[in-house]
Amino acid sequence: MKSKEGVLVKKGLEIIYWFILLFYIFLLIDTVFISRESLRSVNLIPLKTINQFIAVDNRFGNGLVVNVNIWGNILMFVPAGIYVILHNKNKSILINLFLIFLLSLGIEIIQYIFSIGATDIDDIILNVVGGFIGLLIYSLLKKILKNDEKNRIAISILSLIVGLPVLILVMEFI
């Protein structure tokens, strides 16, 4: 029989998990749709934009453009990988990676249709890399914990550890 404290902790973690998930969705929507300048450009040449960022950084030597654009796209989709596979009954890495690809493609299409930011194949590539990292994190946790319930609790705790500082940082800039 489970103790009352254990049940309360589990419910508390569940509430935190859903709060952080909703915050992540809000942050993703804000980042890719709301906090963008109005323009319509398309790049369908893989690695073109990434190479341009690297060329600019090599010219100026600060690495900031590459860090923000490349790592930003990757890191924004790591949670997507975790959340997509966690909420999908099919735990196949390939199927969930395809769902992440479709999510990223959908974002790029919406950006193009509504002239929000730039539509770029490199964003899709980087987003899928980030989603793949998230899928690997989920798979690693599942392999270590060997139990879906323990895995979900671990992801709830990780969501709190990672999501809370991000929430605080975002609140500072609002």
Foldseek 3Di string as FASTA:
>chain_A
DDDPVVVVVLVVLVVLLVVLVVVLVVVVCCVLFVPFDFAEAEAPDPCPVLVVQVVVCVVVVPCPSNCCVQVVLLQSQLVVLQVQCLPDPDLDLVVSLVVQLVVQQVSLVVCNVRRGHYRYPHSSVSNSNSSSNNSVVLVVLCVVVVDSSVSSSVVSVVSCVPRVVVVVVVVVVD
